[in-house]
Amino acid sequence: MHQADVRPPGTGIGAVVVEFTNVSGKSCLVQGHPTVAGAGNGSPQHNRPLKVTPTGPVSAVRVAPGGKAWTKLTFVQVQGEADGYCVSGSTPVTYPTLVVGIPGAGAHQVALDEGSLAECDDKVTVTAVSAAKPS
């Protein structure tokens, strides 16, 4: 998972692109919008589901062995410096990893290439799983 090129204004990461690779020996079919949870202490057993707002068209994506699929997650951005703040008045939350549920492919724990993810309001906008890498 890496920071997206296009993200909302603010201090934190704001948006990430999640890349999935089919490591099985046969093609799989994925379709739809992922579920997302913040994994407290890096543990998927102690995750906190986020409210997902789906965006973009849904189509079936056939992923060949070794092939890839992507989704983009856009969070309510933390504002300010240091620990930051949320415009809504809530307290920013930081997650070392996320648990992303891909329709037809199960739940996967993912981490940023570097650092942790901070977000506000436990909300995320999610694109449908795609064969094209989002920016």
Protein backbone atom coordinates (compact mmCIF):
# COMPACT_ATOMS: atom_id res chain seq x y z
CA MET A 1 0.00 0.00 0.00
CA HIS A 2 1.41 3.40 -0.89
CA GLN A 3 0.38 7.04 -0.69
CA ALA A 4 -1.81 8.09 -3.61
CA ASP A 5 -0.67 10.84 -5.98
CA VAL A 6 -4.09 12.55 -5.79
CA ARG A 7 -5.21 13.14 -2.20
CA PRO A 8 -7.23 15.66 -0.15
CA PRO A 9 -5.52 18.69 1.43
CA GLY A 10 -4.22 18.26 4.98
CA THR A 11 -1.27 17.03 6.99
CA GLY A 12 -1.62 13.24 6.89
CA ILE A 13 -1.54 10.61 4.18
CA GLY A 14 -5.14 11.27 3.06
CA ALA A 15 -5.38 8.63 0.33
CA VAL A 16 -3.66 5.35 -0.44
CA VAL A 17 -3.58 2.90 -3.33
CA VAL A 18 -3.83 -0.75 -2.31
CA GLU A 19 -2.32 -3.29 -4.72
CA PHE A 20 -3.32 -6.94 -4.55
CA THR A 21 -1.49 -9.78 -6.32
CA ASN A 22 -3.06 -13.14 -7.14
CA VAL A 23 -0.60 -15.58 -5.56
CA SER A 24 -2.69 -18.66 -6.36
CA GLY A 25 -2.11 -20.93 -9.32
CA LYS A 26 -5.43 -20.09 -10.98
CA SER A 27 -7.35 -17.01 -12.10
CA CYS A 28 -9.79 -15.42 -9.70
CA LEU A 29 -12.70 -13.07 -10.21
CA VAL A 30 -13.12 -10.02 -7.96
CA GLN A 31 -15.87 -7.44 -8.14
CA GLY A 32 -17.17 -4.63 -5.98
CA HIS A 33 -16.06 -2.25 -3.26
CA PRO A 34 -13.79 -3.43 -0.44
CA THR A 35 -14.55 -3.22 3.25
CA VAL A 36 -11.96 -1.40 5.36
CA ALA A 37 -11.03 -1.60 9.03
CA GLY A 38 -8.21 0.00 10.97
CA ALA A 39 -6.13 -2.66 12.72
CA GLY A 40 -5.35 -1.44 16.22
CA ASN A 41 -1.84 -2.33 17.38
CA GLY A 42 -1.24 -3.88 13.96
CA SER A 43 -3.54 -6.78 14.79
CA PRO A 44 -6.40 -7.77 12.46
CA GLN A 45 -8.14 -9.42 15.44
CA HIS A 46 -8.50 -5.97 17.06
CA ASN A 47 -9.75 -4.05 14.07
CA ARG A 48 -12.15 -1.11 13.92
CA PRO A 49 -14.48 -1.15 10.88
CA LEU A 50 -14.63 2.14 9.02
CA LYS A 51 -17.78 3.51 7.36
CA VAL A 52 -17.24 2.91 3.63
CA THR A 53 -18.64 5.24 0.97
CA PRO A 54 -18.38 3.39 -2.37
CA THR A 55 -17.48 5.38 -5.47
CA GLY A 56 -17.02 4.60 -9.15
CA PRO A 57 -18.42 1.93 -11.44
CA VAL A 58 -18.27 -1.75 -10.54
CA SER A 59 -17.15 -4.37 -13.04
CA ALA A 60 -15.85 -7.91 -12.76
CA VAL A 61 -12.04 -8.12 -12.77
CA ARG A 62 -10.41 -11.42 -13.70
CA VAL A 63 -6.96 -11.60 -12.12
CA ALA A 64 -4.59 -14.15 -13.64
CA PRO A 65 -1.98 -15.93 -11.50
CA GLY A 66 0.63 -13.28 -10.65
CA GLY A 67 -1.76 -10.57 -11.91
CA LYS A 68 -2.73 -7.46 -9.94
CA ALA A 69 -5.84 -5.51 -8.99
CA TRP A 70 -6.10 -2.16 -7.21
CA THR A 71 -8.39 -0.01 -5.11
CA LYS A 72 -8.02 3.54 -3.81
CA LEU A 73 -8.95 4.50 -0.26
CA THR A 74 -9.52 8.20 0.54
CA PHE A 75 -9.80 9.18 4.20
CA VAL A 76 -11.08 12.23 6.06
CA GLN A 77 -7.78 14.07 6.28
CA VAL A 78 -6.08 15.14 9.51
CA GLN A 79 -5.40 18.90 9.58
CA GLY A 80 -2.66 21.00 11.23
CA GLU A 81 0.80 20.09 12.45
CA ALA A 82 2.20 17.58 15.01
CA ASP A 83 -0.70 15.46 16.31
CA GLY A 84 -3.15 17.40 14.13
CA TYR A 85 -6.88 17.80 14.55
CA CYS A 86 -10.12 16.83 12.83
CA VAL A 87 -12.37 19.52 11.37
CA SER A 88 -15.35 17.68 12.90
CA GLY A 89 -13.86 18.00 16.39
CA SER A 90 -13.21 14.26 16.73
CA THR A 91 -9.75 13.00 17.69
CA PRO A 92 -7.48 11.72 14.90
CA VAL A 93 -6.85 7.97 14.95
CA THR A 94 -3.63 6.29 13.76
CA TYR A 95 -3.45 2.75 12.41
CA PRO A 96 -0.22 0.84 11.69
CA THR A 97 -2.13 -1.48 9.33
CA LEU A 98 -5.54 -1.83 7.68
CA VAL A 99 -7.67 -4.89 7.02
CA VAL A 100 -9.11 -4.63 3.51
CA GLY A 101 -11.83 -7.09 2.49
CA ILE A 102 -11.86 -7.77 -1.24
CA PRO A 103 -15.16 -9.19 -2.54
CA GLY A 104 -14.42 -12.72 -3.74
CA ALA A 105 -10.85 -12.76 -2.34
CA GLY A 106 -11.14 -12.50 1.48
CA ALA A 107 -9.69 -10.02 3.97
CA HIS A 108 -6.05 -8.95 3.82
CA GLN A 109 -3.92 -7.04 6.30
CA VAL A 110 -1.95 -4.30 4.54
CA ALA A 111 0.54 -1.66 5.68
CA LEU A 112 1.88 1.54 4.15
CA ASP A 113 5.29 1.34 2.51
CA GLU A 114 6.41 3.78 5.23
CA GLY A 115 4.73 4.98 8.43
CA SER A 116 1.19 4.71 9.75
CA LEU A 117 -2.13 5.98 8.49
CA ALA A 118 -3.93 8.77 10.40
CA GLU A 119 -7.57 9.55 9.71
CA CYS A 120 -10.58 11.39 11.10
CA ASP A 121 -14.19 10.34 11.70
CA ASP A 122 -13.70 6.60 10.87
CA LYS A 123 -14.87 7.20 7.29
CA VAL A 124 -13.30 6.16 3.99
CA THR A 125 -14.29 6.57 0.35
CA VAL A 126 -13.41 3.45 -1.63
CA THR A 127 -13.17 2.84 -5.38
CA ALA A 128 -14.32 -0.49 -6.79
CA VAL A 129 -11.60 -3.07 -7.34
CA SER A 130 -10.06 -2.35 -10.75
CA ALA A 131 -7.62 -3.80 -13.26
CA ALA A 132 -6.29 -0.24 -13.77
CA LYS A 133 -4.04 1.34 -11.16
CA PRO A 134 -5.60 4.54 -9.75
CA SER A 135 -3.55 7.69 -9.06
